[in-house]
């Protein structure tokens, strides 16, 4: 089979980690009889440098024409980069918000898996890390507080800021369906996270999730307040399978989940629309301080490519092969600097990609 993949190398370490992921995809395609046609587009600072804006209409068209999009990272040092002297609508991150909107990417998937080989890097108690965990956060991505009306006004000489949190039932229902469909392929449990003891938006969220749950009688569903969920993630993460939540809660909880795995450099993510189309990227940033030094960890991007095969291209066997190749590299003791411990073998970004290729 032939597949068209649009790649966004982006800024900082982005080009290095995308190059490693491409190598792994090519090896996978050759092994399983597929062909991936790659087309690179500019976004973020790289696009600003060439076009003056973080994302062009032509780049959006190329993304829409593909079967899926694989992204590295965007942005730079907010204190020193000239990109951050521009107005907010022209800064690198504006390109990410725009492409999410243009592609209709409303569901963000953030897996958090603790590999047994990296249990010593986990910040949790030893008995917790030894037990391991494998969860995925499904975050609504295009609604809620981040996309509501906002303004700052002055009343009676006092400045006042207003941010509006809104959700309608259709926005909630479509992301809930994604979460339940994912749970069907995992351990059949959904934990819906809200703040229903305070917020009307959360009370509607809980009601709609219960309506969706009625269509999935084989899935166990529980509701958890967000403050309790934040505590439970560090107390007993193994209890979770699929965590479903709204935009701001998901932003915070997914970053918390990323750190208990030992390194954010290990964590993949996907953003999906109502079809199987998605944008796949590592959870970490552009790390401009180490860009060009061949020391970045490409594993999160490689695992994002595996997610792309599974969720957008229906190539589950091939995705399994990539994930197994990553696990073997770790089991054999290969580590990039962020996950290196004494007694293991430190390798660079490109070499880690080569090692994973050899394991496929």
Protein backbone atom coordinates (compact mmCIF):
# COMPACT_ATOMS: atom_id res chain seq x y z
CA UNK A 1 0.00 0.00 0.00
CA UNK A 2 1.08 3.57 -0.70
CA UNK A 3 0.54 6.35 1.85
CA UNK A 4 1.18 10.10 1.70
CA UNK A 5 2.56 11.63 4.87
CA UNK A 6 3.06 15.35 5.35
CA UNK A 7 5.95 16.10 7.71
CA UNK A 8 6.49 19.26 9.74
CA UNK A 9 10.11 19.18 10.95
CA UNK A 10 9.60 22.54 12.64
CA UNK A 11 12.15 24.24 14.88
CA UNK A 12 14.85 23.37 17.38
CA UNK A 13 15.36 19.62 17.60
CA UNK A 14 12.37 19.05 15.32
CA UNK A 15 14.31 18.28 12.12
CA UNK A 16 16.55 15.78 13.96
CA UNK A 17 13.78 13.80 15.62
CA UNK A 18 11.59 13.79 12.49
CA UNK A 19 14.55 12.49 10.46
CA UNK A 20 14.95 9.60 12.93
CA UNK A 21 11.23 8.80 12.76
CA UNK A 22 11.29 8.85 8.96
CA UNK A 23 14.10 6.28 8.97
CA UNK A 24 12.04 4.00 11.18
CA UNK A 25 8.96 4.43 8.97
CA UNK A 26 10.96 3.62 5.83
CA UNK A 27 12.37 0.47 7.43
CA UNK A 28 8.86 -0.54 8.54
CA UNK A 29 7.46 0.08 5.05
CA UNK A 30 10.21 -1.98 3.43
CA UNK A 31 9.69 -4.81 5.90
CA UNK A 32 5.91 -5.00 5.51
CA UNK A 33 5.52 -4.16 1.82
CA UNK A 34 4.32 -0.55 1.98
CA UNK A 35 5.54 2.76 0.59
CA UNK A 36 5.46 6.08 2.41
CA UNK A 37 5.70 9.23 0.33
CA UNK A 38 6.90 12.13 2.51
CA UNK A 39 6.39 15.83 1.85
CA UNK A 40 7.89 18.41 4.20
CA UNK A 41 6.14 21.70 4.96
CA UNK A 42 7.17 24.69 7.06
CA UNK A 43 5.43 25.71 10.27
CA UNK A 44 6.38 27.76 13.30
CA UNK A 45 9.61 29.72 13.36
CA UNK A 46 10.89 28.01 10.23
CA UNK A 47 7.89 29.36 8.34
CA UNK A 48 8.26 32.83 9.88
CA UNK A 49 11.84 32.99 8.66
CA UNK A 50 10.80 32.21 5.08
CA UNK A 51 7.24 33.53 4.75
CA UNK A 52 6.84 35.97 7.63
CA UNK A 53 3.93 34.00 9.11
CA UNK A 54 3.88 30.75 11.13
CA UNK A 55 1.69 28.80 8.67
CA UNK A 56 0.76 29.44 5.06
CA UNK A 57 -2.42 28.44 3.24
CA UNK A 58 -0.29 26.31 0.91
CA UNK A 59 1.10 24.37 3.88
CA UNK A 60 -2.42 23.79 5.19
CA UNK A 61 -3.49 22.48 1.77
CA UNK A 62 -0.56 20.05 1.73
CA UNK A 63 -1.51 18.82 5.20
CA UNK A 64 -5.13 18.29 4.20
CA UNK A 65 -4.09 16.34 1.11
CA UNK A 66 -2.10 13.78 3.11
CA UNK A 67 -3.21 10.59 4.83
CA UNK A 68 -1.67 11.88 8.08
CA UNK A 69 0.71 14.53 9.41
CA UNK A 70 3.88 13.86 11.43
CA UNK A 71 5.33 16.82 13.31
CA UNK A 72 8.54 17.42 15.23
CA UNK A 73 8.39 20.54 17.37
CA UNK A 74 7.94 24.27 16.94
CA UNK A 75 9.02 27.40 18.73
CA UNK A 76 12.21 28.73 20.26
CA UNK A 77 13.56 30.49 23.32
CA UNK A 78 10.84 32.92 24.33
CA UNK A 79 13.39 35.22 25.97
CA UNK A 80 15.87 35.53 23.11
CA UNK A 81 14.22 34.52 19.84
CA UNK A 82 13.09 37.36 17.55
CA UNK A 83 9.97 35.29 16.81
CA UNK A 84 8.61 36.31 20.22
CA UNK A 85 8.95 40.02 19.51
CA UNK A 86 6.13 39.63 16.99
CA UNK A 87 2.49 40.05 17.90
CA UNK A 88 0.96 36.82 19.33
CA UNK A 89 -0.92 35.98 16.12
CA UNK A 90 2.37 35.78 14.21
CA UNK A 91 4.40 33.77 16.72
CA UNK A 92 5.32 30.10 16.13
CA UNK A 93 2.61 28.62 18.38
CA UNK A 94 -0.10 30.45 16.43
CA UNK A 95 0.67 28.10 13.57
CA UNK A 96 -0.11 25.10 15.76
CA UNK A 97 -3.43 26.54 16.89
CA UNK A 98 -4.30 27.36 13.28
CA UNK A 99 -3.50 23.91 11.89
CA UNK A 100 -5.53 22.26 14.67
CA UNK A 101 -8.50 24.42 13.73
CA UNK A 102 -8.10 24.02 9.96
CA UNK A 103 -7.79 20.23 10.23
CA UNK A 104 -10.61 19.91 12.77
CA UNK A 105 -8.38 18.19 15.33
CA UNK A 106 -10.63 18.02 18.37
CA UNK A 107 -9.31 14.95 20.19
CA UNK A 108 -5.80 14.87 21.64
CA UNK A 109 -4.42 11.48 22.69
CA UNK A 110 -1.52 11.46 25.16
CA UNK A 111 -0.30 7.99 26.20
CA UNK A 112 1.74 7.66 29.39
CA UNK A 113 3.55 4.33 29.56
CA UNK A 114 6.28 3.47 32.04
CA UNK A 115 8.69 0.99 30.50
CA UNK A 116 10.02 -1.49 33.06
CA UNK A 117 13.52 -0.70 31.78
CA UNK A 118 13.05 2.93 32.90
CA UNK A 119 11.37 2.32 36.24
CA UNK A 120 14.38 3.75 38.09
CA UNK A 121 13.85 7.07 36.29
CA UNK A 122 10.28 7.34 37.59
CA UNK A 123 9.87 9.99 40.28
CA UNK A 124 7.25 7.95 42.15
CA UNK A 125 7.76 5.54 45.04
CA UNK A 126 9.58 2.36 44.05
CA UNK A 127 6.62 0.12 44.74
CA UNK A 128 4.50 2.31 42.47
CA UNK A 129 7.03 2.44 39.64
CA UNK A 130 7.74 -1.28 39.91
CA UNK A 131 4.02 -1.97 39.37
CA UNK A 132 4.18 0.03 36.12
CA UNK A 133 1.33 1.78 34.34
CA UNK A 134 -0.05 2.20 30.84
CA UNK A 135 -2.70 4.88 30.44
CA UNK A 136 -3.87 7.30 27.76
CA UNK A 137 -5.40 10.74 28.23
CA UNK A 138 -8.05 11.79 25.70
CA UNK A 139 -8.27 15.58 25.84
CA UNK A 140 -10.85 17.74 24.07
CA UNK A 141 -8.72 20.13 22.05
CA UNK A 142 -10.81 22.82 20.33
CA UNK A 143 -13.29 24.01 22.94
CA UNK A 144 -13.44 25.15 26.53
CA UNK A 145 -11.59 27.96 28.24
CA UNK A 146 -8.80 28.27 25.66
CA UNK A 147 -11.24 29.01 22.84
CA UNK A 148 -13.89 30.98 24.69
CA UNK A 149 -14.43 34.73 24.58
CA UNK A 150 -11.82 36.67 26.52
CA UNK A 151 -11.30 40.31 27.35
CA UNK A 152 -9.65 42.66 29.81
CA UNK A 153 -11.62 45.74 30.85
CA UNK A 154 -11.39 48.49 33.43
CA UNK A 155 -14.32 49.07 35.78
CA UNK A 156 -14.21 51.95 38.26
CA UNK A 157 -10.47 52.19 37.75
CA UNK A 158 -9.89 48.47 38.43
CA UNK A 159 -8.63 46.15 35.71
CA UNK A 160 -10.76 43.04 35.21
CA UNK A 161 -10.02 39.98 33.06
CA UNK A 162 -12.76 37.69 31.75
CA UNK A 163 -12.21 34.24 30.20
CA UNK A 164 -15.26 32.24 29.13
CA UNK A 165 -15.54 28.45 29.33
CA UNK A 166 -18.19 27.00 27.05
CA UNK A 167 -19.00 23.54 25.72
CA UNK A 168 -22.01 22.29 23.82
CA UNK A 169 -23.18 18.70 24.00
CA UNK A 170 -21.99 17.86 20.49
CA UNK A 171 -18.41 18.88 21.31
CA UNK A 172 -18.50 16.68 24.39
CA UNK A 173 -20.19 13.73 22.68
CA UNK A 174 -17.72 13.43 19.81
CA UNK A 175 -14.64 13.34 22.04
CA UNK A 176 -16.37 10.95 24.45
CA UNK A 177 -17.06 8.56 21.57
CA UNK A 178 -13.33 8.67 20.67
CA UNK A 179 -12.43 7.77 24.24
CA UNK A 180 -14.86 4.85 24.44
CA UNK A 181 -13.73 3.53 21.06
CA UNK A 182 -10.11 3.60 22.25
CA UNK A 183 -11.09 1.88 25.50
CA UNK A 184 -12.65 -0.96 23.45
CA UNK A 185 -9.17 -1.73 22.13
CA UNK A 186 -7.50 -1.48 25.52
CA UNK A 187 -8.62 -2.57 29.00
CA UNK A 188 -12.23 -1.35 28.64
CA UNK A 189 -12.25 1.37 31.31
CA UNK A 190 -12.93 5.11 30.94
CA UNK A 191 -12.34 7.62 33.74
CA UNK A 192 -14.12 10.86 32.90
CA UNK A 193 -12.58 13.83 34.72
CA UNK A 194 -14.49 17.03 35.47
CA UNK A 195 -15.30 19.55 38.21
CA UNK A 196 -19.01 18.80 38.38
CA UNK A 197 -19.28 19.89 42.01
CA UNK A 198 -18.66 23.50 40.89
CA UNK A 199 -18.96 24.05 37.12
CA UNK A 200 -22.06 23.91 34.92
CA UNK A 201 -19.86 22.95 31.97
CA UNK A 202 -18.67 19.94 33.95
CA UNK A 203 -22.20 18.94 34.90
CA UNK A 204 -23.14 18.93 31.22
CA UNK A 205 -19.89 17.04 30.48
CA UNK A 206 -20.80 14.33 32.98
CA UNK A 207 -24.37 14.02 31.69
CA UNK A 208 -23.29 13.62 28.06
CA UNK A 209 -20.56 11.11 28.95
CA UNK A 210 -23.18 9.02 30.72
CA UNK A 211 -25.36 9.15 27.60
CA UNK A 212 -22.46 7.94 25.45
CA UNK A 213 -21.58 5.25 27.99
CA UNK A 214 -25.03 3.70 27.50
CA UNK A 215 -23.93 2.71 23.98
CA UNK A 216 -20.87 0.88 25.37
CA UNK A 217 -22.21 -1.55 27.98
CA UNK A 218 -18.95 -3.53 28.01
CA UNK A 219 -16.92 -0.45 29.05
CA UNK A 220 -16.57 0.42 32.73
CA UNK A 221 -17.02 4.16 33.26
CA UNK A 222 -16.23 6.20 36.36
CA UNK A 223 -16.33 9.92 37.09
CA UNK A 224 -13.55 11.66 39.01
CA UNK A 225 -13.07 15.27 40.05
CA UNK A 226 -9.98 16.82 38.52
CA UNK A 227 -8.26 17.59 41.81
CA UNK A 228 -8.65 13.99 42.92
CA UNK A 229 -7.41 12.76 39.54
CA UNK A 230 -4.26 14.88 39.87
CA UNK A 231 -3.62 13.24 43.23
CA UNK A 232 -4.42 9.72 42.03
CA UNK A 233 -2.01 10.05 39.08
CA UNK A 234 0.92 10.27 41.48
CA UNK A 235 -0.55 7.92 44.08
CA UNK A 236 -1.69 5.02 41.90
CA UNK A 237 -1.42 5.61 38.13
CA UNK A 238 -1.93 1.90 37.40
CA UNK A 239 -5.65 2.29 38.19
CA UNK A 240 -6.19 4.27 34.98
CA UNK A 241 -6.75 3.02 31.45
CA UNK A 242 -8.39 5.85 29.43
CA UNK A 243 -8.77 9.28 31.04
CA UNK A 244 -11.30 11.51 29.25
CA UNK A 245 -11.38 15.21 30.02
CA UNK A 246 -11.86 18.74 28.74
CA UNK A 247 -9.26 21.06 27.28
CA UNK A 248 -7.67 22.85 30.24
CA UNK A 249 -7.85 19.89 32.63
CA UNK A 250 -6.32 17.68 29.94
CA UNK A 251 -3.51 20.17 29.34
CA UNK A 252 -2.52 20.05 32.99
CA UNK A 253 -3.06 16.35 33.66
CA UNK A 254 -1.22 15.21 30.54
CA UNK A 255 1.87 17.20 31.56
CA UNK A 256 1.69 15.66 35.02
CA UNK A 257 1.38 12.19 33.49
CA UNK A 258 4.36 12.87 31.25
CA UNK A 259 6.70 13.47 34.15
CA UNK A 260 5.88 10.30 36.07
CA UNK A 261 7.16 8.23 33.13
CA UNK A 262 10.71 9.40 33.79
CA UNK A 263 11.21 11.64 30.75
CA UNK A 264 8.95 13.71 28.55
CA UNK A 265 11.23 12.60 25.71
CA UNK A 266 9.45 9.24 25.74
CA UNK A 267 5.89 10.45 25.22
CA UNK A 268 4.00 10.44 21.94
CA UNK A 269 0.75 12.20 21.12
CA UNK A 270 -1.94 12.31 18.46
CA UNK A 271 -4.60 14.85 17.54
CA UNK A 272 -7.54 13.44 15.56
CA UNK A 273 -10.54 14.77 13.68
CA UNK A 274 -13.87 13.09 13.04
CA UNK A 275 -12.34 10.79 10.43
CA UNK A 276 -9.17 8.73 10.89
CA UNK A 277 -7.01 11.69 9.92
CA UNK A 278 -4.61 12.95 12.55
CA UNK A 279 -1.55 15.00 13.39
CA UNK A 280 1.11 13.13 15.37
CA UNK A 281 3.82 14.77 17.45
CA UNK A 282 5.97 14.26 20.53
CA UNK A 283 4.71 15.79 23.76
CA UNK A 284 7.92 17.73 24.40
CA UNK A 285 8.99 21.08 23.04
CA UNK A 286 11.65 22.24 20.61
CA UNK A 287 14.54 22.28 23.13
CA UNK A 288 16.51 24.99 21.28
CA UNK A 289 19.39 24.68 23.75
CA UNK A 290 20.31 21.23 22.40
CA UNK A 291 19.27 21.70 18.76
CA UNK A 292 21.82 20.52 16.22
CA UNK A 293 23.88 18.59 18.76
CA UNK A 294 22.49 15.11 17.91
CA UNK A 295 21.64 14.45 21.55
CA UNK A 296 17.84 14.75 21.47
CA UNK A 297 15.68 11.74 22.29
CA UNK A 298 13.76 10.71 19.14
CA UNK A 299 11.71 8.00 20.84
CA UNK A 300 8.63 10.15 21.46
CA UNK A 301 8.50 11.06 17.77
CA UNK A 302 9.09 7.45 16.71
CA UNK A 303 6.27 6.32 19.01
CA UNK A 304 4.10 9.09 17.55
CA UNK A 305 4.78 7.58 14.13
CA UNK A 306 3.62 4.22 15.50
CA UNK A 307 0.41 5.87 16.70
CA UNK A 308 -0.01 7.29 13.21
CA UNK A 309 0.17 3.81 11.72
CA UNK A 310 -2.35 2.48 14.24
CA UNK A 311 -4.97 5.23 14.34
CA UNK A 312 -4.84 6.82 10.86
CA UNK A 313 -3.51 4.10 8.54
CA UNK A 314 -4.95 0.97 10.22
CA UNK A 315 -1.51 -0.67 10.29
CA UNK A 316 -1.65 -2.13 13.79
CA UNK A 317 0.85 -4.92 13.13
CA UNK A 318 3.38 -2.41 11.86
CA UNK A 319 2.74 -0.12 14.84
CA UNK A 320 3.31 -3.06 17.17
CA UNK A 321 6.63 -3.74 15.42
CA UNK A 322 7.86 -0.19 16.02
CA UNK A 323 6.84 -0.25 19.67
CA UNK A 324 8.54 -3.61 20.15
CA UNK A 325 11.69 -2.25 18.47
CA UNK A 326 11.76 0.68 20.91
CA UNK A 327 11.32 -1.64 23.87
CA UNK A 328 14.16 -3.86 22.64
CA UNK A 329 16.48 -0.88 22.28
CA UNK A 330 15.76 0.05 25.88
CA UNK A 331 16.11 -3.55 27.07
CA UNK A 332 19.49 -3.76 25.33
CA UNK A 333 20.62 -0.79 27.38
CA UNK A 334 20.70 2.02 24.81
CA UNK A 335 19.87 5.46 26.16
CA UNK A 336 19.91 9.06 24.99
CA UNK A 337 21.21 11.57 27.51
CA UNK A 338 17.84 12.40 29.10
CA UNK A 339 17.27 8.78 30.18
CA UNK A 340 20.90 7.72 30.66
CA UNK A 341 21.92 5.98 33.87
CA UNK A 342 25.22 4.44 34.88
CA UNK A 343 25.71 1.04 33.30
CA UNK A 344 23.78 1.80 30.14
CA UNK A 345 25.10 2.88 26.73
CA UNK A 346 24.67 6.53 25.80
CA UNK A 347 23.82 7.17 22.14
CA UNK A 348 22.81 10.18 20.08
CA UNK A 349 19.56 10.97 18.31
CA UNK A 350 20.52 9.55 14.92
CA UNK A 351 22.11 6.42 16.37
CA UNK A 352 19.03 5.68 18.49
CA UNK A 353 16.96 5.86 15.32
CA UNK A 354 19.35 3.45 13.60
CA UNK A 355 19.22 1.00 16.52
CA UNK A 356 15.43 0.99 16.49
CA UNK A 357 15.48 0.46 12.72
CA UNK A 358 17.73 -2.57 13.16
CA UNK A 359 15.23 -4.05 15.63
CA UNK A 360 12.35 -4.03 13.13
